[in-house]
């Protein structure tokens, strides 16, 4: 049985104050020295998608998220449903 700590909470957002790029923040991986700044940056942005990925295969999940960000920053419009479908193999049950 997976534990609560076996997953990583994240948010994909569009930066509205600087470049307008899509970014991701992994909340449960933030350290004390960058936590406040990263959360503030995400909260100032436009929410796109949030959820959890499993610790198991987290590198593959993060790679998939980076590919999604590249596509969105390249001008492709992805819906929340499309993002969810791409991340389905990495989402805890």
N, C-alpha and C. Protein backbone atom coordinates (compact mmCIF):
# COMPACT_ATOMS: atom_id res chain seq x y z
N UNK A 1 0.85 -1.18 0.00
CA UNK A 1 0.00 0.00 0.00
C UNK A 1 0.89 1.24 0.00
N UNK A 2 0.69 2.17 -0.97
CA UNK A 2 1.52 3.36 -1.02
C UNK A 2 1.21 4.31 0.13
N UNK A 3 2.24 5.00 0.59
CA UNK A 3 2.09 5.97 1.65
C UNK A 3 1.88 7.35 1.07
N UNK A 4 1.39 8.27 1.86
CA UNK A 4 1.17 9.64 1.44
C UNK A 4 2.46 10.26 0.91
N UNK A 5 3.58 9.89 1.50
CA UNK A 5 4.87 10.45 1.09
C UNK A 5 5.41 9.82 -0.20
N UNK A 6 4.71 8.86 -0.75
CA UNK A 6 5.14 8.19 -1.98
C UNK A 6 4.68 8.91 -3.24
N UNK A 7 4.26 10.17 -3.09
CA UNK A 7 3.83 10.93 -4.25
C UNK A 7 4.33 12.37 -4.15
N UNK A 8 4.37 13.01 -5.30
CA UNK A 8 4.89 14.37 -5.40
C UNK A 8 3.76 15.26 -5.91
N UNK A 9 3.48 16.35 -5.19
CA UNK A 9 2.46 17.30 -5.60
C UNK A 9 3.10 18.33 -6.52
N UNK A 10 2.42 18.64 -7.64
CA UNK A 10 2.97 19.59 -8.59
C UNK A 10 1.87 20.49 -9.15
N UNK A 11 2.30 21.56 -9.78
CA UNK A 11 1.39 22.45 -10.50
C UNK A 11 2.08 22.93 -11.76
N UNK A 12 1.34 22.91 -12.86
CA UNK A 12 1.78 23.54 -14.10
C UNK A 12 1.06 24.87 -14.17
N UNK A 13 1.80 25.93 -14.43
CA UNK A 13 1.21 27.25 -14.50
C UNK A 13 1.86 28.06 -15.61
N UNK A 14 1.18 29.12 -16.02
CA UNK A 14 1.72 30.04 -17.01
C UNK A 14 2.20 31.27 -16.27
N UNK A 15 3.45 31.59 -16.45
CA UNK A 15 4.04 32.75 -15.80
C UNK A 15 3.42 34.01 -16.41
N UNK A 16 2.89 34.88 -15.60
CA UNK A 16 2.23 36.08 -16.11
C UNK A 16 3.04 37.34 -15.87
N UNK A 17 4.04 37.26 -15.02
CA UNK A 17 4.78 38.48 -14.69
C UNK A 17 6.09 38.64 -15.44
N UNK A 18 6.61 37.58 -16.03
CA UNK A 18 7.92 37.68 -16.69
C UNK A 18 7.82 37.31 -18.16
N UNK A 19 8.05 36.09 -18.50
CA UNK A 19 8.18 35.67 -19.89
C UNK A 19 6.90 35.13 -20.50
N UNK A 20 5.93 34.78 -19.69
CA UNK A 20 4.72 34.17 -20.21
C UNK A 20 4.89 32.69 -20.54
N UNK A 21 6.00 32.11 -20.09
CA UNK A 21 6.25 30.70 -20.33
C UNK A 21 5.46 29.82 -19.36
N UNK A 22 5.23 28.61 -19.80
CA UNK A 22 4.62 27.60 -18.93
C UNK A 22 5.73 26.98 -18.09
N UNK A 23 5.45 26.79 -16.83
CA UNK A 23 6.43 26.24 -15.89
C UNK A 23 5.76 25.22 -14.99
N UNK A 24 6.60 24.48 -14.27
CA UNK A 24 6.09 23.52 -13.29
C UNK A 24 6.80 23.75 -11.97
N UNK A 25 6.09 23.53 -10.89
CA UNK A 25 6.69 23.55 -9.57
C UNK A 25 6.28 22.25 -8.87
N UNK A 26 7.27 21.59 -8.28
CA UNK A 26 7.04 20.36 -7.53
C UNK A 26 7.03 20.74 -6.05
N UNK A 27 5.85 21.00 -5.51
CA UNK A 27 5.72 21.54 -4.16
C UNK A 27 6.38 20.68 -3.10
N UNK A 28 6.21 19.38 -3.16
CA UNK A 28 6.71 18.51 -2.11
C UNK A 28 8.21 18.28 -2.20
N UNK A 29 8.87 18.83 -3.22
CA UNK A 29 10.32 18.72 -3.33
C UNK A 29 11.04 20.03 -3.02
N UNK A 30 10.29 21.06 -2.68
CA UNK A 30 10.91 22.36 -2.38
C UNK A 30 11.67 22.30 -1.06
N UNK A 31 12.76 22.99 -1.03
CA UNK A 31 13.56 23.10 0.18
C UNK A 31 13.23 24.42 0.87
N UNK A 32 13.61 24.56 2.13
CA UNK A 32 13.31 25.77 2.88
C UNK A 32 13.85 27.03 2.20
N UNK A 33 15.02 26.93 1.58
CA UNK A 33 15.64 28.13 0.99
C UNK A 33 14.93 28.63 -0.26
N UNK A 34 14.14 27.81 -0.94
CA UNK A 34 13.46 28.27 -2.16
C UNK A 34 11.94 28.12 -2.11
N UNK A 35 11.43 27.61 -1.03
CA UNK A 35 10.01 27.31 -0.94
C UNK A 35 9.14 28.54 -1.14
N UNK A 36 9.41 29.59 -0.40
CA UNK A 36 8.57 30.78 -0.45
C UNK A 36 8.58 31.44 -1.83
N UNK A 37 9.76 31.57 -2.42
CA UNK A 37 9.87 32.21 -3.74
C UNK A 37 9.17 31.40 -4.83
N UNK A 38 9.35 30.09 -4.82
CA UNK A 38 8.73 29.24 -5.83
C UNK A 38 7.21 29.21 -5.71
N UNK A 39 6.72 29.14 -4.49
CA UNK A 39 5.27 29.14 -4.27
C UNK A 39 4.69 30.49 -4.68
N UNK A 40 5.35 31.58 -4.35
CA UNK A 40 4.89 32.91 -4.74
C UNK A 40 4.84 33.05 -6.26
N UNK A 41 5.86 32.56 -6.93
CA UNK A 41 5.90 32.63 -8.39
C UNK A 41 4.73 31.83 -9.00
N UNK A 42 4.48 30.64 -8.47
CA UNK A 42 3.38 29.82 -8.99
C UNK A 42 2.03 30.48 -8.71
N UNK A 43 1.86 31.05 -7.52
CA UNK A 43 0.59 31.69 -7.16
C UNK A 43 0.33 32.94 -8.00
N UNK A 44 1.38 33.62 -8.44
CA UNK A 44 1.23 34.80 -9.28
C UNK A 44 0.90 34.43 -10.73
N UNK A 45 1.15 33.18 -11.08
CA UNK A 45 0.90 32.72 -12.45
C UNK A 45 -0.53 32.28 -12.66
N UNK A 46 -0.81 31.90 -13.89
CA UNK A 46 -2.13 31.41 -14.28
C UNK A 46 -2.15 29.89 -14.18
N UNK A 47 -3.00 29.37 -13.32
CA UNK A 47 -3.09 27.93 -13.09
C UNK A 47 -3.50 27.21 -14.38
N UNK A 48 -2.80 26.11 -14.68
CA UNK A 48 -3.12 25.29 -15.85
C UNK A 48 -3.55 23.89 -15.43
N UNK A 49 -2.76 23.26 -14.56
CA UNK A 49 -3.04 21.87 -14.16
C UNK A 49 -2.29 21.58 -12.88
N UNK A 50 -2.86 20.78 -12.01
CA UNK A 50 -2.15 20.33 -10.82
C UNK A 50 -2.53 18.90 -10.51
N UNK A 51 -1.70 18.29 -9.70
CA UNK A 51 -1.97 16.91 -9.32
C UNK A 51 -0.80 16.29 -8.61
N UNK A 52 -0.75 14.98 -8.65
CA UNK A 52 0.30 14.21 -8.00
C UNK A 52 0.90 13.23 -9.00
N UNK A 53 2.19 12.98 -8.85
CA UNK A 53 2.84 11.89 -9.57
C UNK A 53 3.43 10.96 -8.52
N UNK A 54 3.55 9.69 -8.90
CA UNK A 54 4.13 8.71 -7.99
C UNK A 54 5.64 8.88 -7.89
N UNK A 55 6.19 8.61 -6.74
CA UNK A 55 7.65 8.62 -6.58
C UNK A 55 8.28 7.56 -7.49
N UNK A 56 7.58 6.43 -7.58
CA UNK A 56 8.03 5.36 -8.47
C UNK A 56 7.93 5.88 -9.90
N UNK A 57 9.01 5.87 -10.64
CA UNK A 57 9.08 6.37 -12.01
C UNK A 57 8.92 7.88 -12.10
N UNK A 58 9.31 8.59 -11.05
CA UNK A 58 9.16 10.04 -11.06
C UNK A 58 10.00 10.70 -12.14
N UNK A 59 11.14 10.12 -12.47
CA UNK A 59 11.99 10.71 -13.52
C UNK A 59 11.28 10.67 -14.87
N UNK A 60 10.60 9.57 -15.16
CA UNK A 60 9.85 9.48 -16.41
C UNK A 60 8.67 10.46 -16.40
N UNK A 61 8.03 10.60 -15.25
CA UNK A 61 6.91 11.54 -15.13
C UNK A 61 7.39 12.97 -15.35
N UNK A 62 8.51 13.31 -14.74
CA UNK A 62 9.05 14.66 -14.90
C UNK A 62 9.48 14.92 -16.35
N UNK A 63 10.01 13.91 -16.99
CA UNK A 63 10.39 14.03 -18.39
C UNK A 63 9.15 14.28 -19.25
N UNK A 64 8.07 13.58 -18.95
CA UNK A 64 6.82 13.78 -19.67
C UNK A 64 6.29 15.20 -19.45
N UNK A 65 6.37 15.68 -18.23
CA UNK A 65 5.92 17.05 -17.92
C UNK A 65 6.77 18.06 -18.68
N UNK A 66 8.07 17.84 -18.72
CA UNK A 66 8.95 18.76 -19.46
C UNK A 66 8.60 18.78 -20.94
N UNK A 67 8.27 17.63 -21.51
CA UNK A 67 7.87 17.57 -22.92
C UNK A 67 6.56 18.33 -23.13
N UNK A 68 5.63 18.21 -22.18
CA UNK A 68 4.38 18.96 -22.28
C UNK A 68 4.64 20.45 -22.23
N UNK A 69 5.53 20.88 -21.33
CA UNK A 69 5.88 22.31 -21.23
C UNK A 69 6.51 22.81 -22.52
N UNK A 70 7.38 22.01 -23.11
CA UNK A 70 8.02 22.38 -24.37
C UNK A 70 6.96 22.58 -25.46
N UNK A 71 6.02 21.67 -25.52
CA UNK A 71 4.95 21.78 -26.51
C UNK A 71 4.11 23.04 -26.28
N UNK A 72 3.75 23.29 -25.02
CA UNK A 72 2.92 24.47 -24.71
C UNK A 72 3.70 25.76 -24.95
N UNK A 73 4.97 25.78 -24.57
CA UNK A 73 5.79 26.97 -24.80
C UNK A 73 6.06 27.18 -26.29
N UNK A 74 5.89 26.14 -27.08
CA UNK A 74 6.02 26.22 -28.52
C UNK A 74 4.74 26.68 -29.21
N UNK A 75 3.70 26.90 -28.43
CA UNK A 75 2.45 27.42 -28.97
C UNK A 75 1.30 26.43 -29.05
N UNK A 76 1.55 25.18 -28.70
CA UNK A 76 0.48 24.18 -28.75
C UNK A 76 -0.46 24.37 -27.55
N UNK A 77 -1.74 24.43 -27.82
CA UNK A 77 -2.74 24.56 -26.75
C UNK A 77 -3.16 23.17 -26.30
N UNK A 78 -2.87 22.85 -25.05
CA UNK A 78 -3.25 21.56 -24.48
C UNK A 78 -4.30 21.77 -23.40
N UNK A 79 -5.34 20.99 -23.45
CA UNK A 79 -6.38 21.07 -22.42
C UNK A 79 -5.94 20.29 -21.18
N UNK A 80 -6.64 20.54 -20.08
CA UNK A 80 -6.36 19.79 -18.85
C UNK A 80 -6.57 18.29 -19.09
N UNK A 81 -7.56 17.94 -19.89
CA UNK A 81 -7.83 16.53 -20.18
C UNK A 81 -6.67 15.89 -20.96
N UNK A 82 -6.09 16.64 -21.88
CA UNK A 82 -4.95 16.12 -22.64
C UNK A 82 -3.73 15.93 -21.74
N UNK A 83 -3.50 16.89 -20.85
CA UNK A 83 -2.38 16.78 -19.92
C UNK A 83 -2.59 15.58 -19.01
N UNK A 84 -3.80 15.44 -18.49
CA UNK A 84 -4.13 14.32 -17.61
C UNK A 84 -3.91 12.98 -18.31
N UNK A 85 -4.30 12.90 -19.57
CA UNK A 85 -4.13 11.65 -20.33
C UNK A 85 -2.65 11.31 -20.50
N UNK A 86 -1.82 12.31 -20.75
CA UNK A 86 -0.37 12.08 -20.92
C UNK A 86 0.27 11.61 -19.60
N UNK A 87 -0.25 12.10 -18.49
CA UNK A 87 0.35 11.78 -17.18
C UNK A 87 -0.28 10.57 -16.49
N UNK A 88 -1.31 10.02 -17.08
CA UNK A 88 -2.04 8.91 -16.45
C UNK A 88 -1.16 7.77 -15.95
N UNK A 89 -0.13 7.34 -16.70
CA UNK A 89 0.70 6.23 -16.21
C UNK A 89 1.47 6.55 -14.93
N UNK A 90 1.59 7.82 -14.57
CA UNK A 90 2.41 8.23 -13.43
C UNK A 90 1.61 8.72 -12.23
N UNK A 91 0.30 8.74 -12.37
CA UNK A 91 -0.58 9.29 -11.32
C UNK A 91 -0.94 8.18 -10.35
N UNK A 92 -0.86 8.47 -9.04
CA UNK A 92 -1.26 7.44 -8.06
C UNK A 92 -2.75 7.12 -8.18
N UNK A 93 -3.07 5.88 -7.89
CA UNK A 93 -4.47 5.43 -7.99
C UNK A 93 -5.34 6.03 -6.93
